């Protein structure tokens, strides 16, 4: 992505001008993301347009767990018989309206997958709860699979990239 860089959210990033068109995500990014980082609840990463010094998108990663019984059988049988297993959770994900339709979402997603697979956390997968059918189809397009009992819960196995 020439002209773009992904980096950890910090005070140097202008959050006020960000708008993805989804109020709950805009509000989270503008008011909650830095608090979640300080409280060690989630790490937020931003895709910066270096030419305009503007946040083009963001996502959050946090530690999580899923029930072993919810995992696909081929994965579950390779794991210890613990009740739950550690995962990295892709919590929030958004692209500013100015940049939508430019395939930046794919670049942001692959950065998240790469960070999750290189994380020092011992996790078996990247998990996301898609907010709607459009988001679910986006993740399915990139190799995520449905699993578990919750609707729109999706799993990505970084080892299968």
N, C-alpha and C. Protein backbone atom coordinates (compact mmCIF):
# COMPACT_ATOMS: atom_id res chain seq x y z
N UNK A 1 0.83 -1.18 0.00
CA UNK A 1 0.00 0.00 0.00
C UNK A 1 0.88 1.25 0.00
N UNK A 2 1.32 1.67 -1.13
CA UNK A 2 2.15 2.88 -1.17
C UNK A 2 1.39 4.07 -0.59
N UNK A 3 2.08 4.81 0.24
CA UNK A 3 1.47 6.00 0.84
C UNK A 3 0.67 5.72 2.10
N UNK A 4 0.59 4.45 2.50
CA UNK A 4 -0.16 4.08 3.70
C UNK A 4 0.74 3.30 4.64
N UNK A 5 0.49 3.45 5.92
CA UNK A 5 1.23 2.70 6.93
C UNK A 5 0.28 2.34 8.07
N UNK A 6 0.45 1.14 8.61
CA UNK A 6 -0.33 0.73 9.78
C UNK A 6 0.55 0.90 11.01
N UNK A 7 -0.01 1.54 12.03
CA UNK A 7 0.73 1.76 13.27
C UNK A 7 -0.23 1.77 14.44
N UNK A 8 0.31 1.61 15.62
CA UNK A 8 -0.51 1.63 16.83
C UNK A 8 -1.09 3.03 17.03
N UNK A 9 -2.34 3.07 17.45
CA UNK A 9 -3.01 4.35 17.74
C UNK A 9 -2.26 5.08 18.85
N UNK A 10 -2.05 6.37 18.64
CA UNK A 10 -1.42 7.20 19.67
C UNK A 10 -2.04 8.59 19.64
N UNK A 11 -1.58 9.45 20.52
CA UNK A 11 -2.14 10.79 20.62
C UNK A 11 -1.85 11.64 19.39
N UNK A 12 -0.91 11.24 18.56
CA UNK A 12 -0.61 12.01 17.34
C UNK A 12 -1.66 11.83 16.24
N UNK A 13 -2.53 10.84 16.38
CA UNK A 13 -3.53 10.56 15.35
C UNK A 13 -4.79 11.38 15.58
N UNK A 14 -5.28 12.02 14.51
CA UNK A 14 -6.51 12.81 14.58
C UNK A 14 -7.71 11.87 14.47
N UNK A 15 -8.34 11.64 15.60
CA UNK A 15 -9.51 10.75 15.61
C UNK A 15 -10.80 11.51 15.31
N UNK A 16 -10.81 12.81 15.57
CA UNK A 16 -12.04 13.61 15.45
C UNK A 16 -12.59 13.64 14.04
N UNK A 17 -11.75 13.60 13.02
CA UNK A 17 -12.23 13.71 11.65
C UNK A 17 -12.61 12.36 11.04
N UNK A 18 -12.40 11.26 11.75
CA UNK A 18 -12.70 9.94 11.22
C UNK A 18 -14.20 9.71 11.17
N UNK A 19 -14.68 9.18 10.03
CA UNK A 19 -16.09 8.80 9.91
C UNK A 19 -16.24 7.66 8.92
N UNK A 20 -16.66 6.51 9.44
CA UNK A 20 -16.89 5.35 8.57
C UNK A 20 -18.35 5.25 8.15
N UNK A 21 -19.20 6.08 8.75
CA UNK A 21 -20.62 6.05 8.43
C UNK A 21 -21.43 5.15 9.35
N UNK A 22 -20.78 4.50 10.29
CA UNK A 22 -21.47 3.66 11.27
C UNK A 22 -21.23 4.29 12.63
N UNK A 23 -22.27 4.89 13.17
CA UNK A 23 -22.15 5.74 14.36
C UNK A 23 -21.47 5.04 15.53
N UNK A 24 -21.79 3.80 15.78
CA UNK A 24 -21.22 3.11 16.94
C UNK A 24 -19.71 2.92 16.78
N UNK A 25 -19.25 2.66 15.56
CA UNK A 25 -17.81 2.52 15.33
C UNK A 25 -17.10 3.87 15.38
N UNK A 26 -17.74 4.89 14.81
CA UNK A 26 -17.16 6.24 14.87
C UNK A 26 -17.02 6.69 16.32
N UNK A 27 -18.06 6.49 17.10
CA UNK A 27 -18.03 6.90 18.51
C UNK A 27 -16.96 6.13 19.28
N UNK A 28 -16.88 4.83 19.04
CA UNK A 28 -15.86 4.03 19.71
C UNK A 28 -14.47 4.59 19.41
N UNK A 29 -14.17 4.82 18.14
CA UNK A 29 -12.84 5.27 17.76
C UNK A 29 -12.52 6.65 18.35
N UNK A 30 -13.51 7.52 18.35
CA UNK A 30 -13.28 8.89 18.82
C UNK A 30 -13.21 9.00 20.34
N UNK A 31 -13.93 8.14 21.05
CA UNK A 31 -14.05 8.34 22.51
C UNK A 31 -13.55 7.18 23.37
N UNK A 32 -13.47 5.98 22.83
CA UNK A 32 -13.21 4.82 23.67
C UNK A 32 -11.89 4.10 23.38
N UNK A 33 -11.41 4.17 22.16
CA UNK A 33 -10.25 3.36 21.75
C UNK A 33 -9.03 3.59 22.63
N UNK A 34 -8.70 4.83 22.90
CA UNK A 34 -7.50 5.09 23.72
C UNK A 34 -7.71 4.63 25.15
N UNK A 35 -8.94 4.74 25.66
CA UNK A 35 -9.22 4.25 27.01
C UNK A 35 -9.04 2.74 27.08
N UNK A 36 -9.51 2.03 26.06
CA UNK A 36 -9.35 0.58 26.03
C UNK A 36 -7.87 0.19 26.00
N UNK A 37 -7.06 0.97 25.29
CA UNK A 37 -5.62 0.70 25.27
C UNK A 37 -5.00 0.93 26.65
N UNK A 38 -5.34 2.05 27.27
CA UNK A 38 -4.79 2.35 28.60
C UNK A 38 -5.18 1.28 29.62
N UNK A 39 -6.38 0.78 29.50
CA UNK A 39 -6.88 -0.24 30.44
C UNK A 39 -6.44 -1.65 30.04
N UNK A 40 -5.68 -1.74 28.96
CA UNK A 40 -5.17 -3.02 28.45
C UNK A 40 -6.30 -3.99 28.08
N UNK A 41 -7.37 -3.43 27.50
CA UNK A 41 -8.49 -4.24 27.04
C UNK A 41 -8.36 -4.59 25.56
N UNK A 42 -7.76 -3.69 24.79
CA UNK A 42 -7.60 -3.91 23.35
C UNK A 42 -6.49 -3.01 22.82
N UNK A 43 -5.80 -3.50 21.80
CA UNK A 43 -4.86 -2.66 21.07
C UNK A 43 -5.55 -2.17 19.82
N UNK A 44 -5.38 -0.88 19.52
CA UNK A 44 -5.98 -0.30 18.33
C UNK A 44 -4.87 0.06 17.35
N UNK A 45 -5.08 -0.31 16.10
CA UNK A 45 -4.13 -0.01 15.04
C UNK A 45 -4.83 0.82 13.98
N UNK A 46 -4.10 1.79 13.42
CA UNK A 46 -4.68 2.68 12.42
C UNK A 46 -3.92 2.54 11.10
N UNK A 47 -4.67 2.63 10.01
CA UNK A 47 -4.08 2.74 8.68
C UNK A 47 -4.01 4.22 8.37
N UNK A 48 -2.79 4.73 8.26
CA UNK A 48 -2.58 6.15 8.01
C UNK A 48 -2.30 6.42 6.54
N UNK A 49 -3.00 7.42 6.00
CA UNK A 49 -2.68 7.96 4.68
C UNK A 49 -1.56 8.96 4.93
N UNK A 50 -0.35 8.57 4.59
CA UNK A 50 0.81 9.42 4.91
C UNK A 50 0.81 10.72 4.13
N UNK A 51 0.25 10.72 2.92
CA UNK A 51 0.22 11.94 2.12
C UNK A 51 -0.68 13.00 2.74
N UNK A 52 -1.80 12.56 3.31
CA UNK A 52 -2.78 13.50 3.89
C UNK A 52 -2.72 13.55 5.40
N UNK A 53 -1.86 12.71 6.00
CA UNK A 53 -1.78 12.60 7.46
C UNK A 53 -3.17 12.39 8.06
N UNK A 54 -3.89 11.43 7.49
CA UNK A 54 -5.28 11.16 7.88
C UNK A 54 -5.46 9.68 8.18
N UNK A 55 -6.27 9.38 9.18
CA UNK A 55 -6.60 7.99 9.50
C UNK A 55 -7.57 7.48 8.44
N UNK A 56 -7.15 6.45 7.71
CA UNK A 56 -7.99 5.86 6.67
C UNK A 56 -8.82 4.70 7.19
N UNK A 57 -8.39 4.09 8.29
CA UNK A 57 -9.11 2.97 8.87
C UNK A 57 -8.49 2.56 10.18
N UNK A 58 -9.17 1.67 10.88
CA UNK A 58 -8.63 1.17 12.16
C UNK A 58 -9.20 -0.21 12.45
N UNK A 59 -8.52 -0.90 13.36
CA UNK A 59 -9.04 -2.16 13.89
C UNK A 59 -8.50 -2.35 15.29
N UNK A 60 -9.16 -3.22 16.06
CA UNK A 60 -8.68 -3.54 17.40
C UNK A 60 -8.45 -5.05 17.52
N UNK A 61 -7.46 -5.39 18.32
CA UNK A 61 -7.18 -6.79 18.66
C UNK A 61 -7.15 -6.92 20.16
N UNK A 62 -7.68 -8.03 20.65
CA UNK A 62 -7.63 -8.31 22.08
C UNK A 62 -7.54 -9.81 22.29
N UNK A 63 -7.19 -10.19 23.50
CA UNK A 63 -7.15 -11.60 23.85
C UNK A 63 -8.57 -12.08 24.10
N UNK A 64 -8.82 -13.32 23.79
CA UNK A 64 -10.13 -13.90 24.04
C UNK A 64 -10.03 -15.41 24.15
N UNK A 65 -11.16 -16.03 24.27
CA UNK A 65 -11.20 -17.49 24.29
C UNK A 65 -12.51 -17.96 23.68
N UNK A 66 -12.50 -19.18 23.20
CA UNK A 66 -13.71 -19.81 22.69
C UNK A 66 -13.79 -21.21 23.28
N UNK A 67 -14.99 -21.71 23.37
CA UNK A 67 -15.17 -23.07 23.87
C UNK A 67 -14.59 -24.07 22.89
N UNK A 68 -13.88 -25.03 23.41
CA UNK A 68 -13.31 -26.08 22.57
C UNK A 68 -14.41 -26.77 21.77
N UNK A 69 -15.56 -26.96 22.39
CA UNK A 69 -16.67 -27.64 21.73
C UNK A 69 -17.25 -26.85 20.56
N UNK A 70 -16.96 -25.54 20.49
CA UNK A 70 -17.45 -24.73 19.37
C UNK A 70 -16.53 -24.76 18.16
N UNK A 71 -15.31 -25.22 18.34
CA UNK A 71 -14.34 -25.22 17.24
C UNK A 71 -14.64 -26.32 16.24
N UNK A 72 -14.22 -26.12 14.99
CA UNK A 72 -14.36 -27.19 14.00
C UNK A 72 -13.63 -28.45 14.51
N UNK A 73 -14.22 -29.59 14.26
CA UNK A 73 -13.71 -30.85 14.81
C UNK A 73 -12.24 -31.11 14.46
N UNK A 74 -11.84 -30.80 13.22
CA UNK A 74 -10.45 -31.07 12.82
C UNK A 74 -9.45 -30.24 13.63
N UNK A 75 -9.83 -29.05 14.05
CA UNK A 75 -8.96 -28.25 14.90
C UNK A 75 -9.05 -28.71 16.35
N UNK A 76 -10.25 -28.94 16.83
CA UNK A 76 -10.46 -29.32 18.23
C UNK A 76 -9.72 -30.61 18.59
N UNK A 77 -9.68 -31.57 17.68
CA UNK A 77 -9.04 -32.85 18.01
C UNK A 77 -7.52 -32.73 18.15
N UNK A 78 -6.93 -31.64 17.64
CA UNK A 78 -5.48 -31.44 17.76
C UNK A 78 -5.09 -30.68 19.02
N UNK A 79 -6.08 -30.26 19.80
CA UNK A 79 -5.82 -29.43 20.97
C UNK A 79 -6.06 -30.19 22.26
N UNK A 80 -5.45 -29.76 23.35
CA UNK A 80 -5.71 -30.38 24.64
C UNK A 80 -7.20 -30.25 25.00
N UNK A 81 -7.67 -31.11 25.83
CA UNK A 81 -9.08 -31.16 26.19
C UNK A 81 -9.47 -30.11 27.22
N UNK A 82 -8.99 -28.89 27.06
CA UNK A 82 -9.41 -27.80 27.94
C UNK A 82 -10.82 -27.38 27.55
N UNK A 83 -11.52 -26.78 28.50
CA UNK A 83 -12.88 -26.30 28.21
C UNK A 83 -12.87 -25.19 27.16
N UNK A 84 -11.89 -24.29 27.24
CA UNK A 84 -11.79 -23.22 26.25
C UNK A 84 -10.34 -23.09 25.79
N UNK A 85 -10.17 -22.45 24.64
CA UNK A 85 -8.84 -22.25 24.07
C UNK A 85 -8.64 -20.77 23.76
N UNK A 86 -7.39 -20.30 23.84
CA UNK A 86 -7.13 -18.89 23.60
C UNK A 86 -7.19 -18.53 22.11
N UNK A 87 -7.73 -17.34 21.85
CA UNK A 87 -7.79 -16.79 20.49
C UNK A 87 -7.44 -15.31 20.56
N UNK A 88 -7.16 -14.74 19.42
CA UNK A 88 -7.07 -13.29 19.29
C UNK A 88 -8.40 -12.84 18.70
N UNK A 89 -8.98 -11.82 19.30
CA UNK A 89 -10.28 -11.32 18.85
C UNK A 89 -10.10 -10.03 18.06
N UNK A 90 -10.61 -10.03 16.84
CA UNK A 90 -10.70 -8.82 16.03
C UNK A 90 -12.00 -8.14 16.44
N UNK A 91 -11.89 -7.08 17.24
CA UNK A 91 -13.08 -6.49 17.85
C UNK A 91 -13.78 -5.45 17.00
N UNK A 92 -13.08 -4.39 16.65
CA UNK A 92 -13.65 -3.31 15.84
C UNK A 92 -12.83 -3.22 14.56
N UNK A 93 -13.50 -2.82 13.48
CA UNK A 93 -12.85 -2.76 12.16
C UNK A 93 -13.64 -1.77 11.32
N UNK A 94 -12.98 -0.73 10.82
CA UNK A 94 -13.70 0.27 10.03
C UNK A 94 -12.76 0.99 9.07
N UNK A 95 -13.33 1.45 7.96
CA UNK A 95 -12.61 2.26 6.97
C UNK A 95 -13.36 3.58 6.84
N UNK A 96 -12.61 4.68 6.87
CA UNK A 96 -13.20 6.01 6.71
C UNK A 96 -13.94 6.08 5.37
N UNK A 97 -15.08 6.79 5.35
CA UNK A 97 -15.89 6.89 4.14
C UNK A 97 -15.10 7.40 2.94
N UNK A 98 -14.16 8.29 3.17
CA UNK A 98 -13.34 8.84 2.09
C UNK A 98 -12.57 7.74 1.36
N UNK A 99 -12.25 6.66 2.06
CA UNK A 99 -11.40 5.61 1.51
C UNK A 99 -12.16 4.33 1.17
N UNK A 100 -13.45 4.29 1.43
CA UNK A 100 -14.22 3.09 1.14
C UNK A 100 -14.28 2.85 -0.37
N UNK A 101 -14.28 1.59 -0.76
CA UNK A 101 -14.30 1.22 -2.17
C UNK A 101 -12.93 1.17 -2.82
N UNK A 102 -11.87 1.37 -2.03
CA UNK A 102 -10.50 1.36 -2.57
C UNK A 102 -9.73 0.10 -2.16
N UNK A 103 -10.46 -0.89 -1.65
CA UNK A 103 -9.88 -2.18 -1.23
C UNK A 103 -8.89 -2.05 -0.07
N UNK A 104 -9.00 -0.98 0.69
CA UNK A 104 -8.14 -0.82 1.85
C UNK A 104 -8.56 -1.75 2.98
N UNK A 105 -9.83 -2.13 3.02
CA UNK A 105 -10.30 -3.05 4.04
C UNK A 105 -9.53 -4.36 4.00
N UNK A 106 -9.24 -4.85 2.80
CA UNK A 106 -8.47 -6.09 2.66
C UNK A 106 -7.07 -5.92 3.23
N UNK A 107 -6.46 -4.79 2.96
CA UNK A 107 -5.11 -4.53 3.48
C UNK A 107 -5.11 -4.46 5.00
N UNK A 108 -6.11 -3.80 5.54
CA UNK A 108 -6.21 -3.68 7.00
C UNK A 108 -6.43 -5.07 7.61
N UNK A 109 -7.32 -5.85 6.99
CA UNK A 109 -7.60 -7.19 7.51
C UNK A 109 -6.35 -8.06 7.51
N UNK A 110 -5.57 -8.04 6.43
CA UNK A 110 -4.37 -8.87 6.38
C UNK A 110 -3.33 -8.41 7.38
N UNK A 111 -3.31 -7.11 7.68
CA UNK A 111 -2.41 -6.64 8.73
C UNK A 111 -2.83 -7.24 10.07
N UNK A 112 -4.14 -7.26 10.31
CA UNK A 112 -4.65 -7.85 11.56
C UNK A 112 -4.31 -9.34 11.65
N UNK A 113 -4.49 -10.05 10.55
CA UNK A 113 -4.17 -11.49 10.52
C UNK A 113 -2.68 -11.69 10.80
N UNK A 114 -1.85 -10.88 10.16
CA UNK A 114 -0.40 -11.00 10.36
C UNK A 114 -0.02 -10.71 11.81
N UNK A 115 -0.58 -9.66 12.39
CA UNK A 115 -0.28 -9.33 13.79
C UNK A 115 -0.74 -10.45 14.72
N UNK A 116 -1.92 -11.00 14.44
CA UNK A 116 -2.44 -12.08 15.29
C UNK A 116 -1.54 -13.31 15.21
N UNK A 117 -1.07 -13.62 14.01
CA UNK A 117 -0.24 -14.82 13.85
C UNK A 117 1.16 -14.64 14.42
N UNK A 118 1.63 -13.40 14.50
CA UNK A 118 2.96 -13.12 15.06
C UNK A 118 2.90 -12.71 16.52
N UNK A 119 1.72 -12.64 17.06
CA UNK A 119 1.54 -12.18 18.43
C UNK A 119 2.30 -13.05 19.42
N UNK A 120 2.76 -12.42 20.48
CA UNK A 120 3.40 -13.18 21.56
C UNK A 120 2.36 -13.93 22.38
N UNK A 121 1.10 -13.59 22.19
CA UNK A 121 0.03 -14.34 22.84
C UNK A 121 -0.02 -15.73 22.22
N UNK A 122 -0.24 -16.70 23.03
CA UNK A 122 -0.38 -18.06 22.52
C UNK A 122 -1.85 -18.27 22.17
N UNK A 123 -2.17 -18.09 20.90
CA UNK A 123 -3.55 -18.19 20.46
C UNK A 123 -3.61 -19.12 19.25
N UNK A 124 -4.75 -19.77 19.11
CA UNK A 124 -4.91 -20.75 18.04
C UNK A 124 -5.59 -20.21 16.80
N UNK A 125 -6.22 -19.03 16.91
CA UNK A 125 -6.98 -18.53 15.78
C UNK A 125 -7.31 -17.05 16.00
N UNK A 126 -7.81 -16.45 14.94
CA UNK A 126 -8.34 -15.09 14.98
C UNK A 126 -9.85 -15.22 14.86
N UNK A 127 -10.58 -14.59 15.78
CA UNK A 127 -12.04 -14.70 15.82
C UNK A 127 -12.65 -13.31 15.65
N UNK A 128 -13.74 -13.25 14.92
CA UNK A 128 -14.49 -12.00 14.77
C UNK A 128 -15.98 -12.31 14.86
N UNK A 129 -16.72 -11.40 15.47
CA UNK A 129 -18.18 -11.46 15.45
C UNK A 129 -18.64 -10.38 14.48
N UNK A 130 -19.01 -10.78 13.27
CA UNK A 130 -19.40 -9.83 12.24
C UNK A 130 -20.69 -9.12 12.65
N UNK A 131 -20.74 -7.81 12.42
CA UNK A 131 -21.88 -7.02 12.89
C UNK A 131 -23.13 -7.21 12.05
N UNK A 132 -22.98 -7.60 10.79
CA UNK A 132 -24.14 -7.79 9.92
C UNK A 132 -23.75 -8.73 8.77
N UNK A 133 -24.72 -9.01 7.89
CA UNK A 133 -24.47 -9.94 6.79
C UNK A 133 -23.40 -9.43 5.83
N UNK A 134 -23.37 -8.12 5.59
CA UNK A 134 -22.36 -7.55 4.69
C UNK A 134 -20.95 -7.78 5.26
N UNK A 135 -20.79 -7.53 6.55
CA UNK A 135 -19.50 -7.75 7.19
C UNK A 135 -19.15 -9.24 7.17
N UNK A 136 -20.14 -10.09 7.44
CA UNK A 136 -19.89 -11.53 7.43
C UNK A 136 -19.39 -11.97 6.06
N UNK A 137 -20.02 -11.50 5.00
CA UNK A 137 -19.60 -11.88 3.65
C UNK A 137 -18.19 -11.39 3.34
N UNK A 138 -17.82 -10.22 3.85
CA UNK A 138 -16.46 -9.70 3.69
C UNK A 138 -15.46 -10.69 4.29
N UNK A 139 -15.70 -11.11 5.52
CA UNK A 139 -14.77 -12.03 6.18
C UNK A 139 -14.76 -13.40 5.51
N UNK A 140 -15.92 -13.90 5.12
CA UNK A 140 -15.98 -15.19 4.43
C UNK A 140 -15.17 -15.16 3.13
N UNK A 141 -15.24 -14.04 2.43
CA UNK A 141 -14.49 -13.87 1.18
C UNK A 141 -12.99 -14.06 1.40
N UNK A 142 -12.50 -13.71 2.58
CA UNK A 142 -11.07 -13.80 2.86
C UNK A 142 -10.68 -15.07 3.64
N UNK A 143 -11.54 -16.07 3.63
CA UNK A 143 -11.16 -17.37 4.18
C UNK A 143 -11.58 -17.64 5.61
N UNK A 144 -12.31 -16.72 6.22
CA UNK A 144 -12.84 -17.01 7.55
C UNK A 144 -13.93 -18.07 7.40
N UNK A 145 -14.15 -18.84 8.45
CA UNK A 145 -15.20 -19.86 8.41
C UNK A 145 -16.15 -19.63 9.58
N UNK A 146 -17.40 -20.03 9.38
CA UNK A 146 -18.39 -19.93 10.46
C UNK A 146 -18.14 -21.05 11.45
N UNK A 147 -18.40 -20.78 12.72
CA UNK A 147 -18.27 -21.82 13.73
C UNK A 147 -19.07 -21.43 14.96
N UNK A 148 -19.29 -22.41 15.81
CA UNK A 148 -19.95 -22.14 17.08
C UNK A 148 -21.44 -21.90 16.95
N UNK A 149 -22.03 -21.56 18.08
CA UNK A 149 -23.47 -21.43 18.15
C UNK A 149 -23.97 -20.00 17.95
N UNK A 150 -23.09 -19.02 17.99
CA UNK A 150 -23.51 -17.64 17.81
C UNK A 150 -23.57 -17.29 16.32
N UNK A 151 -24.62 -16.55 15.91
CA UNK A 151 -24.69 -16.16 14.51
C UNK A 151 -23.57 -15.18 14.17
N UNK A 152 -23.05 -15.32 12.98
CA UNK A 152 -22.01 -14.45 12.44
C UNK A 152 -20.68 -14.53 13.18
N UNK A 153 -20.45 -15.57 13.97
CA UNK A 153 -19.14 -15.76 14.61
C UNK A 153 -18.26 -16.46 13.59
N UNK A 154 -17.10 -15.86 13.32
CA UNK A 154 -16.22 -16.36 12.28
C UNK A 154 -14.82 -16.59 12.83
N UNK A 155 -14.15 -17.54 12.23
CA UNK A 155 -12.85 -17.99 12.69
C UNK A 155 -11.88 -17.99 11.52
N UNK A 156 -10.65 -17.55 11.79
CA UNK A 156 -9.60 -17.63 10.79
C UNK A 156 -8.42 -18.33 11.42
N UNK A 157 -7.88 -19.30 10.72
CA UNK A 157 -6.73 -20.05 11.22
C UNK A 157 -5.48 -19.54 10.52
N UNK A 158 -4.69 -18.69 11.18
CA UNK A 158 -3.51 -18.11 10.53
C UNK A 158 -2.56 -19.13 9.93
N UNK A 159 -2.48 -20.31 10.50
CA UNK A 159 -1.60 -21.34 9.97
C UNK A 159 -2.00 -21.83 8.58
N UNK A 160 -3.20 -21.49 8.15
CA UNK A 160 -3.68 -21.95 6.85
C UNK A 160 -3.55 -20.87 5.78
N UNK A 161 -2.86 -19.77 6.09
CA UNK A 161 -2.69 -18.68 5.12
C UNK A 161 -1.82 -19.18 3.98
